[in-house]
């Protein structure tokens, strides 16, 4: 990487990306991002991508519905919390811990709530959920899970 990325400066970069994200309402309200992570940090993320054995099976209904005939999961995940990253090598953990801190930050949560407030109505308070790195036979994805 060109420079070391702390959680604080990565949060600032991602928050700025979220603020600049383009809002769209088709087929539902969502934000589109051109660049979520700085180029050098994203390259480091790709270099530190967890191996398939680093992931764990999805839980709940998803776990039951996404198994191969041999019982192995077709979808797996790594929750980006320290307790789920500790089995990674120190090099991988250094990158993915910062990603998890940034994606779980209150600053980013506030921006998402501000950007969504005008379009969404909530009948009860909503908490920003967790971000999960998922691996499936179709590839990798980073998604969020909203908790009420």
Foldseek 3Di string as FASTA:
>chain_A
DVDDDALVVLLVQQLVQLLPWDWDQVVHTDTHGDDRGPPVLVVLLVVLPDDPVLWAADDDPQNVVAADPVGHGQKTKQFLDCVSLVVGDPSSNSSSVSVQSSVQDPSNQVSVCVVCVVPDDDPDDWGWFTWMWMQGPVGIDIDTDTDD
